[in-house]
Amino acid sequence: MEKYVITISRQYGSFGRLVAKKLSEQLHIDFLDRDIVEETAKRMNTSVKQISREEEITHSKFSYLSYPFGLGTPDVSDEIFLVQQSIIEDFARKGSCIIVGRCADKILEETEGLISLFIYAPMEARVKEIMRRYETDEKEAEYLIKQADKIRKNYYNFYAKKTWADKASYNMLIDSSRISEKELAAMLRALLTARG
C-alpha cells in the first residue's frame, strides 16, 4: 500500500503520544498531535492557550459554565472542531502519517488506507506514569486520569458519534503496557503489506 494514515485515540497516561512518536520514527512517517492546536490558533487568529482550554470542552447545555465569562460555548467548540477537521484532512492528503486524537478516525473514515488504533493501559500503570510525570501522589494521579478520560470520552462521543474506547469504534485496541513500539510497528507493517 503506497499511502496510509494511522489514527490514535488513547487513554490518559497510556503513552499514546509516545507510541505515536516512536511509530512515526519506526515507519519513517510524520505525526500530528499538538501541531493541530498551534495550527488551529493560527487559523482562528487566537492563542494556543485559548484553543487548549476550549478544544475538549464537555459539550452540553451547561458547557458555557466551564470557563469564566462564558468563553466555553458550544459554538466556539464547534468552530474549533471544524477548523481542526480541515487541518486533519489537509495533513492526511499530503501522504502517509500518524494523527493523534481529535476524532481523526471519524474525520478520515472514508480515507483509503486508514488504520485506527486505541491505546490503553491498566489504571495501575497509568497512575504510576502520571505520578512520575507530574510529581504527584497516587490519589491525585487517579483523579487526573479519570477527569481527562471523561473529557476525551465526552468530546469523542459527541463529535465522532461513536463510543470512545469501544472496540467497535477502532480497527485495533493496543495495551501499551504489553507491547513495545517496535513490536507494534512490525505488526502494522505486516498489516499494511497484507492490505497492499
N, C-alpha and C. Protein backbone atom coordinates (compact mmCIF):
# COMPACT_ATOMS: atom_id res chain seq x y z
N MET A 1 0.84 -1.19 0.00
CA MET A 1 0.00 0.00 0.00
C MET A 1 0.89 1.24 0.00
N GLU A 2 0.69 2.11 -0.95
CA GLU A 2 1.57 3.27 -1.08
C GLU A 2 1.33 4.32 -0.01
N LYS A 3 0.07 4.58 0.31
CA LYS A 3 -0.24 5.62 1.27
C LYS A 3 -1.18 5.07 2.33
N TYR A 4 -0.94 5.46 3.58
CA TYR A 4 -1.82 5.04 4.67
C TYR A 4 -1.82 6.11 5.74
N VAL A 5 -2.87 6.09 6.56
CA VAL A 5 -2.99 7.01 7.67
C VAL A 5 -3.32 6.19 8.92
N ILE A 6 -2.56 6.42 9.98
CA ILE A 6 -2.82 5.77 11.27
C ILE A 6 -3.37 6.82 12.22
N THR A 7 -4.53 6.56 12.80
CA THR A 7 -5.08 7.47 13.80
C THR A 7 -4.99 6.78 15.16
N ILE A 8 -4.67 7.56 16.16
CA ILE A 8 -4.51 7.02 17.51
C ILE A 8 -5.37 7.80 18.50
N SER A 9 -6.32 7.10 19.11
CA SER A 9 -7.04 7.61 20.27
C SER A 9 -6.41 6.94 21.48
N ARG A 10 -6.48 7.57 22.64
CA ARG A 10 -5.78 6.97 23.78
C ARG A 10 -6.35 7.39 25.12
N GLN A 11 -6.17 6.50 26.10
CA GLN A 11 -6.47 6.83 27.48
C GLN A 11 -5.37 7.74 28.00
N TYR A 12 -5.72 8.57 28.95
CA TYR A 12 -4.74 9.48 29.54
C TYR A 12 -3.71 8.67 30.34
N GLY A 13 -2.44 8.94 30.07
CA GLY A 13 -1.37 8.26 30.78
C GLY A 13 -1.00 6.90 30.20
N SER A 14 -1.52 6.59 29.02
CA SER A 14 -1.25 5.27 28.41
C SER A 14 -0.11 5.32 27.40
N PHE A 15 0.62 6.43 27.37
CA PHE A 15 1.75 6.61 26.46
C PHE A 15 1.33 6.71 25.00
N GLY A 16 0.09 7.11 24.74
CA GLY A 16 -0.40 7.20 23.36
C GLY A 16 0.42 8.12 22.49
N ARG A 17 0.79 9.28 23.02
CA ARG A 17 1.59 10.23 22.24
C ARG A 17 2.99 9.67 21.99
N LEU A 18 3.57 9.06 23.03
CA LEU A 18 4.90 8.47 22.88
C LEU A 18 4.88 7.33 21.86
N VAL A 19 3.83 6.52 21.91
CA VAL A 19 3.67 5.43 20.93
C VAL A 19 3.62 6.02 19.52
N ALA A 20 2.84 7.09 19.35
CA ALA A 20 2.72 7.73 18.03
C ALA A 20 4.08 8.25 17.55
N LYS A 21 4.81 8.89 18.44
CA LYS A 21 6.12 9.44 18.08
C LYS A 21 7.10 8.33 17.68
N LYS A 22 7.14 7.28 18.49
CA LYS A 22 8.04 6.16 18.20
C LYS A 22 7.63 5.44 16.92
N LEU A 23 6.33 5.27 16.71
CA LEU A 23 5.84 4.64 15.49
C LEU A 23 6.23 5.46 14.26
N SER A 24 6.12 6.79 14.38
CA SER A 24 6.46 7.64 13.24
C SER A 24 7.94 7.48 12.89
N GLU A 25 8.78 7.30 13.92
CA GLU A 25 10.21 7.08 13.69
C GLU A 25 10.46 5.70 13.06
N GLN A 26 9.76 4.68 13.58
CA GLN A 26 9.93 3.31 13.07
C GLN A 26 9.45 3.17 11.63
N LEU A 27 8.33 3.86 11.32
CA LEU A 27 7.72 3.74 9.99
C LEU A 27 8.19 4.84 9.04
N HIS A 28 8.98 5.80 9.56
CA HIS A 28 9.51 6.91 8.76
C HIS A 28 8.40 7.76 8.13
N ILE A 29 7.41 8.10 8.96
CA ILE A 29 6.33 8.98 8.50
C ILE A 29 6.12 10.07 9.55
N ASP A 30 5.45 11.16 9.15
CA ASP A 30 5.18 12.28 10.05
C ASP A 30 4.04 11.95 11.00
N PHE A 31 4.04 12.66 12.16
CA PHE A 31 2.87 12.54 13.03
C PHE A 31 2.41 13.91 13.49
N LEU A 32 1.13 14.00 13.75
CA LEU A 32 0.48 15.26 14.08
C LEU A 32 -0.24 15.11 15.41
N ASP A 33 0.07 16.01 16.35
CA ASP A 33 -0.61 15.98 17.65
C ASP A 33 -0.83 17.42 18.11
N ARG A 34 0.08 17.94 18.93
CA ARG A 34 -0.08 19.31 19.42
C ARG A 34 0.03 20.33 18.28
N ASP A 35 0.60 19.92 17.16
CA ASP A 35 0.69 20.81 15.99
C ASP A 35 -0.72 21.25 15.56
N ILE A 36 -1.71 20.39 15.82
CA ILE A 36 -3.10 20.71 15.45
C ILE A 36 -3.55 21.94 16.22
N VAL A 37 -3.21 22.01 17.50
CA VAL A 37 -3.60 23.15 18.33
C VAL A 37 -2.93 24.43 17.83
N GLU A 38 -1.65 24.32 17.52
CA GLU A 38 -0.92 25.51 17.04
C GLU A 38 -1.49 26.02 15.72
N GLU A 39 -1.79 25.09 14.81
CA GLU A 39 -2.35 25.50 13.52
C GLU A 39 -3.77 26.04 13.68
N THR A 40 -4.53 25.46 14.60
CA THR A 40 -5.90 25.95 14.88
C THR A 40 -5.85 27.38 15.38
N ALA A 41 -4.95 27.64 16.32
CA ALA A 41 -4.80 29.00 16.86
C ALA A 41 -4.45 29.99 15.75
N LYS A 42 -3.56 29.57 14.85
CA LYS A 42 -3.15 30.43 13.74
C LYS A 42 -4.34 30.72 12.81
N ARG A 43 -5.08 29.67 12.46
CA ARG A 43 -6.21 29.86 11.53
C ARG A 43 -7.35 30.65 12.15
N MET A 44 -7.51 30.56 13.49
CA MET A 44 -8.59 31.26 14.17
C MET A 44 -8.14 32.60 14.74
N ASN A 45 -6.84 32.93 14.51
CA ASN A 45 -6.29 34.19 14.99
C ASN A 45 -6.49 34.37 16.50
N THR A 46 -6.12 33.34 17.25
CA THR A 46 -6.22 33.39 18.70
C THR A 46 -4.99 32.70 19.30
N SER A 47 -4.95 32.57 20.61
CA SER A 47 -3.78 31.98 21.26
C SER A 47 -3.90 30.46 21.38
N VAL A 48 -2.74 29.81 21.45
CA VAL A 48 -2.69 28.36 21.68
C VAL A 48 -3.35 28.04 23.01
N LYS A 49 -3.11 28.88 24.01
CA LYS A 49 -3.69 28.68 25.34
C LYS A 49 -5.21 28.66 25.29
N GLN A 50 -5.79 29.58 24.52
CA GLN A 50 -7.25 29.66 24.42
C GLN A 50 -7.81 28.40 23.73
N ILE A 51 -7.16 27.96 22.68
CA ILE A 51 -7.61 26.75 21.98
C ILE A 51 -7.49 25.54 22.90
N SER A 52 -6.37 25.43 23.60
CA SER A 52 -6.15 24.31 24.52
C SER A 52 -7.23 24.27 25.59
N ARG A 53 -7.62 25.43 26.08
CA ARG A 53 -8.65 25.50 27.12
C ARG A 53 -9.99 25.03 26.61
N GLU A 54 -10.28 25.30 25.36
CA GLU A 54 -11.63 25.09 24.87
C GLU A 54 -11.85 23.84 24.03
N GLU A 55 -10.78 23.26 23.47
CA GLU A 55 -10.97 22.22 22.46
C GLU A 55 -11.62 20.95 22.96
N GLU A 56 -11.44 20.58 24.22
CA GLU A 56 -12.02 19.34 24.72
C GLU A 56 -13.12 19.58 25.74
N ILE A 57 -13.82 20.69 25.56
CA ILE A 57 -14.91 21.03 26.48
C ILE A 57 -15.99 19.96 26.44
N THR A 58 -16.59 19.70 27.57
CA THR A 58 -17.74 18.80 27.60
C THR A 58 -18.90 19.49 26.89
N HIS A 59 -19.41 18.89 25.83
CA HIS A 59 -20.44 19.52 25.01
C HIS A 59 -21.82 19.25 25.60
N SER A 60 -22.29 20.21 26.34
CA SER A 60 -23.63 20.09 26.93
C SER A 60 -24.23 21.48 27.04
N LYS A 61 -25.49 21.55 27.44
CA LYS A 61 -26.12 22.85 27.55
C LYS A 61 -25.52 23.69 28.67
N PHE A 62 -24.72 23.05 29.55
CA PHE A 62 -24.07 23.77 30.63
C PHE A 62 -22.60 24.04 30.36
N SER A 63 -22.13 23.75 29.15
CA SER A 63 -20.70 23.89 28.87
C SER A 63 -20.22 25.33 29.01
N TYR A 64 -21.09 26.29 28.82
CA TYR A 64 -20.68 27.69 28.92
C TYR A 64 -20.26 28.04 30.35
N LEU A 65 -20.64 27.19 31.32
CA LEU A 65 -20.24 27.42 32.70
C LEU A 65 -18.84 26.90 32.99
N SER A 66 -18.24 26.21 32.03
CA SER A 66 -16.95 25.57 32.27
C SER A 66 -15.83 26.58 32.45
N TYR A 67 -15.93 27.75 31.84
CA TYR A 67 -14.86 28.72 31.91
C TYR A 67 -15.42 30.09 32.26
N PRO A 68 -14.58 30.96 32.80
CA PRO A 68 -15.05 32.31 33.15
C PRO A 68 -15.57 33.07 31.94
N PHE A 69 -16.50 33.96 32.20
CA PHE A 69 -17.03 34.89 31.21
C PHE A 69 -17.73 34.20 30.05
N GLY A 70 -18.11 32.94 30.22
CA GLY A 70 -18.88 32.25 29.18
C GLY A 70 -18.11 31.98 27.92
N LEU A 71 -16.77 31.87 28.00
CA LEU A 71 -15.96 31.65 26.79
C LEU A 71 -16.17 30.26 26.21
N GLY A 72 -16.45 29.28 27.08
CA GLY A 72 -16.56 27.90 26.61
C GLY A 72 -17.94 27.57 26.09
N THR A 73 -18.35 28.21 25.02
CA THR A 73 -19.68 27.97 24.48
C THR A 73 -19.65 26.85 23.44
N PRO A 74 -20.79 26.18 23.26
CA PRO A 74 -20.84 25.14 22.22
C PRO A 74 -20.45 25.67 20.84
N ASP A 75 -20.82 26.91 20.52
CA ASP A 75 -20.48 27.48 19.21
C ASP A 75 -18.97 27.55 19.00
N VAL A 76 -18.23 27.92 20.06
CA VAL A 76 -16.78 28.00 19.97
C VAL A 76 -16.20 26.60 19.81
N SER A 77 -16.70 25.65 20.59
CA SER A 77 -16.23 24.26 20.47
C SER A 77 -16.48 23.72 19.07
N ASP A 78 -17.65 24.01 18.52
CA ASP A 78 -17.98 23.55 17.17
C ASP A 78 -17.05 24.17 16.13
N GLU A 79 -16.76 25.47 16.28
CA GLU A 79 -15.87 26.15 15.34
C GLU A 79 -14.47 25.55 15.40
N ILE A 80 -13.98 25.29 16.61
CA ILE A 80 -12.66 24.67 16.78
C ILE A 80 -12.65 23.30 16.11
N PHE A 81 -13.70 22.52 16.32
CA PHE A 81 -13.75 21.19 15.73
C PHE A 81 -13.68 21.27 14.20
N LEU A 82 -14.43 22.19 13.61
CA LEU A 82 -14.44 22.32 12.14
C LEU A 82 -13.08 22.75 11.59
N VAL A 83 -12.41 23.65 12.30
CA VAL A 83 -11.07 24.07 11.87
C VAL A 83 -10.11 22.90 11.98
N GLN A 84 -10.18 22.16 13.09
CA GLN A 84 -9.29 21.01 13.26
C GLN A 84 -9.59 19.91 12.25
N GLN A 85 -10.84 19.75 11.91
CA GLN A 85 -11.21 18.77 10.87
C GLN A 85 -10.51 19.12 9.56
N SER A 86 -10.52 20.40 9.21
CA SER A 86 -9.87 20.85 7.98
C SER A 86 -8.36 20.61 8.04
N ILE A 87 -7.75 20.88 9.19
CA ILE A 87 -6.31 20.67 9.36
C ILE A 87 -5.96 19.19 9.20
N ILE A 88 -6.74 18.32 9.83
CA ILE A 88 -6.52 16.87 9.76
C ILE A 88 -6.66 16.37 8.33
N GLU A 89 -7.69 16.84 7.63
CA GLU A 89 -7.89 16.43 6.24
C GLU A 89 -6.74 16.90 5.36
N ASP A 90 -6.29 18.14 5.56
CA ASP A 90 -5.16 18.67 4.78
C ASP A 90 -3.90 17.84 5.01
N PHE A 91 -3.63 17.51 6.26
CA PHE A 91 -2.43 16.75 6.62
C PHE A 91 -2.47 15.34 6.02
N ALA A 92 -3.63 14.69 6.12
CA ALA A 92 -3.78 13.32 5.61
C ALA A 92 -3.63 13.25 4.10
N ARG A 93 -3.99 14.34 3.40
CA ARG A 93 -3.87 14.35 1.94
C ARG A 93 -2.42 14.38 1.48
N LYS A 94 -1.52 14.87 2.34
CA LYS A 94 -0.12 15.05 1.95
C LYS A 94 0.64 13.74 1.79
N GLY A 95 0.24 12.70 2.54
CA GLY A 95 0.95 11.42 2.47
C GLY A 95 0.75 10.60 3.71
N SER A 96 1.45 9.50 3.82
CA SER A 96 1.32 8.62 4.98
C SER A 96 1.68 9.38 6.25
N CYS A 97 0.91 9.13 7.32
CA CYS A 97 1.11 9.88 8.55
C CYS A 97 0.40 9.21 9.72
N ILE A 98 0.68 9.72 10.91
CA ILE A 98 0.00 9.32 12.14
C ILE A 98 -0.63 10.57 12.73
N ILE A 99 -1.89 10.46 13.13
CA ILE A 99 -2.59 11.59 13.73
C ILE A 99 -3.14 11.16 15.07
N VAL A 100 -2.85 11.96 16.11
CA VAL A 100 -3.25 11.62 17.47
C VAL A 100 -4.49 12.42 17.88
N GLY A 101 -5.53 11.68 18.32
CA GLY A 101 -6.71 12.28 18.93
C GLY A 101 -7.60 13.08 18.00
N ARG A 102 -8.44 13.89 18.61
CA ARG A 102 -9.33 14.85 17.94
C ARG A 102 -10.23 14.23 16.89
N CYS A 103 -10.71 13.02 17.18
CA CYS A 103 -11.68 12.33 16.31
C CYS A 103 -11.17 12.10 14.89
N ALA A 104 -9.86 12.01 14.73
CA ALA A 104 -9.28 11.83 13.40
C ALA A 104 -9.80 10.57 12.71
N ASP A 105 -10.06 9.52 13.50
CA ASP A 105 -10.56 8.28 12.90
C ASP A 105 -11.93 8.49 12.26
N LYS A 106 -12.77 9.30 12.87
CA LYS A 106 -14.08 9.60 12.31
C LYS A 106 -13.96 10.54 11.11
N ILE A 107 -13.15 11.57 11.27
CA ILE A 107 -12.96 12.56 10.21
C ILE A 107 -12.45 11.90 8.93
N LEU A 108 -11.57 10.92 9.10
CA LEU A 108 -10.92 10.29 7.94
C LEU A 108 -11.47 8.90 7.63
N GLU A 109 -12.65 8.59 8.13
CA GLU A 109 -13.17 7.22 8.00
C GLU A 109 -13.33 6.76 6.55
N GLU A 110 -13.46 7.67 5.61
CA GLU A 110 -13.58 7.30 4.20
C GLU A 110 -12.23 7.29 3.48
N THR A 111 -11.16 7.56 4.23
CA THR A 111 -9.83 7.63 3.64
C THR A 111 -9.29 6.23 3.37
N GLU A 112 -8.82 6.01 2.16
CA GLU A 112 -8.23 4.72 1.82
C GLU A 112 -6.94 4.53 2.61
N GLY A 113 -6.75 3.34 3.17
CA GLY A 113 -5.53 3.05 3.92
C GLY A 113 -5.57 3.50 5.36
N LEU A 114 -6.77 3.78 5.89
CA LEU A 114 -6.90 4.21 7.28
C LEU A 114 -6.77 3.02 8.23
N ILE A 115 -5.96 3.18 9.28
CA ILE A 115 -5.89 2.21 10.37
C ILE A 115 -6.13 2.99 11.66
N SER A 116 -7.18 2.65 12.38
CA SER A 116 -7.48 3.38 13.61
C SER A 116 -7.13 2.51 14.83
N LEU A 117 -6.34 3.11 15.73
CA LEU A 117 -5.90 2.41 16.93
C LEU A 117 -6.45 3.09 18.17
N PHE A 118 -6.68 2.29 19.20
CA PHE A 118 -6.97 2.84 20.53
C PHE A 118 -5.92 2.29 21.47
N ILE A 119 -5.17 3.20 22.11
CA ILE A 119 -4.11 2.81 23.03
C ILE A 119 -4.65 2.92 24.46
N TYR A 120 -4.51 1.83 25.21
CA TYR A 120 -4.96 1.83 26.60
C TYR A 120 -3.91 1.16 27.47
N ALA A 121 -4.10 1.23 28.78
CA ALA A 121 -3.20 0.56 29.72
C ALA A 121 -3.96 0.40 31.04
N PRO A 122 -3.57 -0.56 31.86
CA PRO A 122 -4.21 -0.71 33.17
C PRO A 122 -4.07 0.56 34.01
N MET A 123 -5.06 0.81 34.86
CA MET A 123 -5.04 2.01 35.70
C MET A 123 -3.75 2.10 36.51
N GLU A 124 -3.29 1.00 37.05
CA GLU A 124 -2.08 1.00 37.87
C GLU A 124 -0.88 1.56 37.10
N ALA A 125 -0.73 1.14 35.85
CA ALA A 125 0.39 1.62 35.02
C ALA A 125 0.23 3.10 34.71
N ARG A 126 -1.00 3.53 34.46
CA ARG A 126 -1.23 4.94 34.15
C ARG A 126 -1.02 5.83 35.36
N VAL A 127 -1.45 5.36 36.53
CA VAL A 127 -1.25 6.11 37.77
C VAL A 127 0.25 6.31 38.01
N LYS A 128 1.03 5.27 37.84
CA LYS A 128 2.49 5.38 38.01
C LYS A 128 3.09 6.41 37.06
N GLU A 129 2.63 6.38 35.81
CA GLU A 129 3.14 7.33 34.82
C GLU A 129 2.78 8.76 35.18
N ILE A 130 1.54 9.02 35.58
CA ILE A 130 1.11 10.38 35.91
C ILE A 130 1.80 10.86 37.20
N MET A 131 1.99 9.96 38.16
CA MET A 131 2.73 10.32 39.38
C MET A 131 4.15 10.74 39.02
N ARG A 132 4.78 10.01 38.12
CA ARG A 132 6.14 10.33 37.69
C ARG A 132 6.17 11.64 36.90
N ARG A 133 5.22 11.77 35.98
CA ARG A 133 5.21 12.93 35.09
C ARG A 133 4.98 14.23 35.82
N TYR A 134 4.05 14.22 36.79
CA TYR A 134 3.67 15.46 37.47
C TYR A 134 4.12 15.53 38.93
N GLU A 135 4.90 14.54 39.36
CA GLU A 135 5.40 14.50 40.74
C GLU A 135 4.27 14.70 41.74
N THR A 136 3.25 13.88 41.61
CA THR A 136 2.08 13.97 42.47
C THR A 136 1.84 12.63 43.16
N ASP A 137 0.84 12.58 44.04
CA ASP A 137 0.58 11.34 44.76
C ASP A 137 -0.43 10.47 43.99
N GLU A 138 -0.63 9.27 44.48
CA GLU A 138 -1.48 8.29 43.80
C GLU A 138 -2.92 8.77 43.66
N LYS A 139 -3.45 9.35 44.71
CA LYS A 139 -4.85 9.82 44.70
C LYS A 139 -5.06 10.91 43.65
N GLU A 140 -4.14 11.87 43.63
CA GLU A 140 -4.25 12.98 42.66
C GLU A 140 -4.07 12.46 41.24
N ALA A 141 -3.14 11.54 41.04
CA ALA A 141 -2.91 10.97 39.71
C ALA A 141 -4.16 10.27 39.20
N GLU A 142 -4.79 9.48 40.05
CA GLU A 142 -6.01 8.77 39.64
C GLU A 142 -7.13 9.75 39.31
N TYR A 143 -7.23 10.82 40.10
CA TYR A 143 -8.24 11.85 39.84
C TYR A 143 -8.00 12.50 38.47
N LEU A 144 -6.74 12.86 38.18
CA LEU A 144 -6.41 13.49 36.90
C LEU A 144 -6.74 12.57 35.73
N ILE A 145 -6.44 11.30 35.88
CA ILE A 145 -6.73 10.32 34.82
C ILE A 145 -8.22 10.22 34.56
N LYS A 146 -9.00 10.12 35.62
CA LYS A 146 -10.46 9.98 35.45
C LYS A 146 -11.07 11.23 34.82
N GLN A 147 -10.58 12.41 35.23
CA GLN A 147 -11.09 13.65 34.64
C GLN A 147 -10.72 13.76 33.16
N ALA A 148 -9.47 13.48 32.84
CA ALA A 148 -9.02 13.59 31.44
C ALA A 148 -9.74 12.58 30.56
N ASP A 149 -9.90 11.36 31.04
CA ASP A 149 -10.62 10.34 30.27
C ASP A 149 -12.07 10.73 30.05
N LYS A 150 -12.68 11.33 31.06
CA LYS A 150 -14.08 11.77 30.94
C LYS A 150 -14.22 12.85 29.86
N ILE A 151 -13.29 13.80 29.85
CA ILE A 151 -13.32 14.87 28.85
C ILE A 151 -13.13 14.28 27.45
N ARG A 152 -12.16 13.39 27.29
CA ARG A 152 -11.91 12.77 25.98
C ARG A 152 -13.11 11.96 25.53
N LYS A 153 -13.68 11.21 26.44
CA LYS A 153 -14.85 10.39 26.11
C LYS A 153 -16.02 11.26 25.64
N ASN A 154 -16.33 12.32 26.39
CA ASN A 154 -17.45 13.18 26.02
C ASN A 154 -17.22 13.87 24.68
N TYR A 155 -16.00 14.35 24.47
CA TYR A 155 -15.65 15.01 23.21
C TYR A 155 -15.81 14.04 22.04
N TYR A 156 -15.22 12.86 22.18
CA TYR A 156 -15.25 11.86 21.11
C TYR A 156 -16.68 11.40 20.83
N ASN A 157 -17.41 11.06 21.87
CA ASN A 157 -18.78 10.57 21.68
C ASN A 157 -19.66 11.61 21.00
N PHE A 158 -19.45 12.89 21.34
CA PHE A 158 -20.27 13.94 20.75
C PHE A 158 -19.92 14.17 19.28
N TYR A 159 -18.62 14.37 18.99
CA TYR A 159 -18.23 14.74 17.63
C TYR A 159 -18.08 13.55 16.69
N ALA A 160 -17.63 12.41 17.19
CA ALA A 160 -17.46 11.24 16.32
C ALA A 160 -18.75 10.46 16.16
N LYS A 161 -19.69 10.69 17.07
CA LYS A 161 -20.96 9.94 17.07
C LYS A 161 -20.68 8.43 17.16
N LYS A 162 -19.60 8.11 17.87
CA LYS A 162 -19.25 6.72 18.16
C LYS A 162 -18.91 6.65 19.64
N THR A 163 -18.57 5.46 20.12
CA THR A 163 -18.28 5.30 21.54
C THR A 163 -16.78 5.19 21.77
N TRP A 164 -16.25 6.14 22.55
CA TRP A 164 -14.84 6.19 22.88
C TRP A 164 -14.45 4.93 23.65
N ALA A 165 -13.33 4.34 23.26
CA ALA A 165 -12.76 3.15 23.92
C ALA A 165 -13.54 1.87 23.63
N ASP A 166 -14.56 1.94 22.79
CA ASP A 166 -15.32 0.74 22.44
C ASP A 166 -14.64 0.05 21.26
N LYS A 167 -14.46 -1.25 21.36
CA LYS A 167 -13.74 -1.98 20.31
C LYS A 167 -14.38 -1.83 18.93
N ALA A 168 -15.68 -1.57 18.88
CA ALA A 168 -16.36 -1.41 17.60
C ALA A 168 -15.97 -0.11 16.89
N SER A 169 -15.36 0.82 17.62
CA SER A 169 -15.02 2.12 17.04
C SER A 169 -13.64 2.16 16.37
N TYR A 170 -12.83 1.10 16.52
CA TYR A 170 -11.45 1.12 16.05
C TYR A 170 -11.08 -0.18 15.34
N ASN A 171 -10.01 -0.14 14.54
CA ASN A 171 -9.50 -1.36 13.91
C ASN A 171 -8.75 -2.23 14.91
N MET A 172 -7.99 -1.58 15.79
CA MET A 172 -7.18 -2.31 16.76
C MET A 172 -7.16 -1.60 18.10
N LEU A 173 -7.20 -2.38 19.20
CA LEU A 173 -7.00 -1.85 20.54
C LEU A 173 -5.69 -2.44 21.05
N ILE A 174 -4.82 -1.58 21.57
CA ILE A 174 -3.48 -1.99 21.97
C ILE A 174 -3.24 -1.62 23.44
N ASP A 175 -2.83 -2.62 24.24
CA ASP A 175 -2.43 -2.38 25.62
C ASP A 175 -0.95 -1.99 25.61
N SER A 176 -0.67 -0.73 25.86
CA SER A 176 0.71 -0.23 25.75
C SER A 176 1.62 -0.77 26.83
N SER A 177 1.04 -1.40 27.85
CA SER A 177 1.89 -1.99 28.89
C SER A 177 2.37 -3.39 28.49
N ARG A 178 1.84 -3.92 27.37
CA ARG A 178 2.15 -5.29 26.98
C ARG A 178 2.86 -5.42 25.64
N ILE A 179 2.96 -4.31 24.90
CA ILE A 179 3.59 -4.38 23.58
C ILE A 179 4.48 -3.17 23.37
N SER A 180 5.65 -3.38 22.83
CA SER A 180 6.58 -2.27 22.60
C SER A 180 6.23 -1.55 21.29
N GLU A 181 6.75 -0.34 21.16
CA GLU A 181 6.53 0.41 19.92
C GLU A 181 7.13 -0.33 18.73
N LYS A 182 8.27 -0.98 18.95
CA LYS A 182 8.93 -1.73 17.88
C LYS A 182 8.05 -2.90 17.42
N GLU A 183 7.45 -3.61 18.37
CA GLU A 183 6.55 -4.73 18.03
C GLU A 183 5.31 -4.23 17.31
N LEU A 184 4.77 -3.10 17.79
CA LEU A 184 3.58 -2.54 17.16
C LEU A 184 3.88 -2.09 15.73
N ALA A 185 5.04 -1.48 15.53
CA ALA A 185 5.43 -1.06 14.19
C ALA A 185 5.54 -2.26 13.26
N ALA A 186 6.10 -3.37 13.77
CA ALA A 186 6.21 -4.59 12.96
C ALA A 186 4.84 -5.14 12.61
N MET A 187 3.91 -5.11 13.58
CA MET A 187 2.53 -5.56 13.32
C MET A 187 1.87 -4.71 12.24
N LEU A 188 2.05 -3.40 12.35
CA LEU A 188 1.43 -2.50 11.37
C LEU A 188 2.03 -2.68 9.99
N ARG A 189 3.34 -2.89 9.92
CA ARG A 189 3.98 -3.16 8.63
C ARG A 189 3.37 -4.42 8.00
N ALA A 190 3.19 -5.46 8.82
CA ALA A 190 2.61 -6.70 8.31
C ALA A 190 1.19 -6.49 7.83
N LEU A 191 0.43 -5.69 8.58
CA LEU A 191 -0.96 -5.38 8.19
C LEU A 191 -0.98 -4.60 6.87
N LEU A 192 -0.11 -3.62 6.75
CA LEU A 192 -0.06 -2.81 5.54
C LEU A 192 0.35 -3.65 4.33
N THR A 193 1.28 -4.58 4.54
CA THR A 193 1.71 -5.48 3.47
C THR A 193 0.57 -6.38 3.01
N ALA A 194 -0.17 -6.89 4.00
CA ALA A 194 -1.31 -7.77 3.70
C ALA A 194 -2.40 -7.02 2.93
N ARG A 195 -2.60 -5.75 3.30
CA ARG A 195 -3.63 -4.92 2.64
C ARG A 195 -3.19 -4.52 1.24
N GLY A 196 -1.84 -4.34 1.06
CA GLY A 196 -1.31 -3.79 -0.17
C GLY A 196 -1.55 -4.64 -1.36
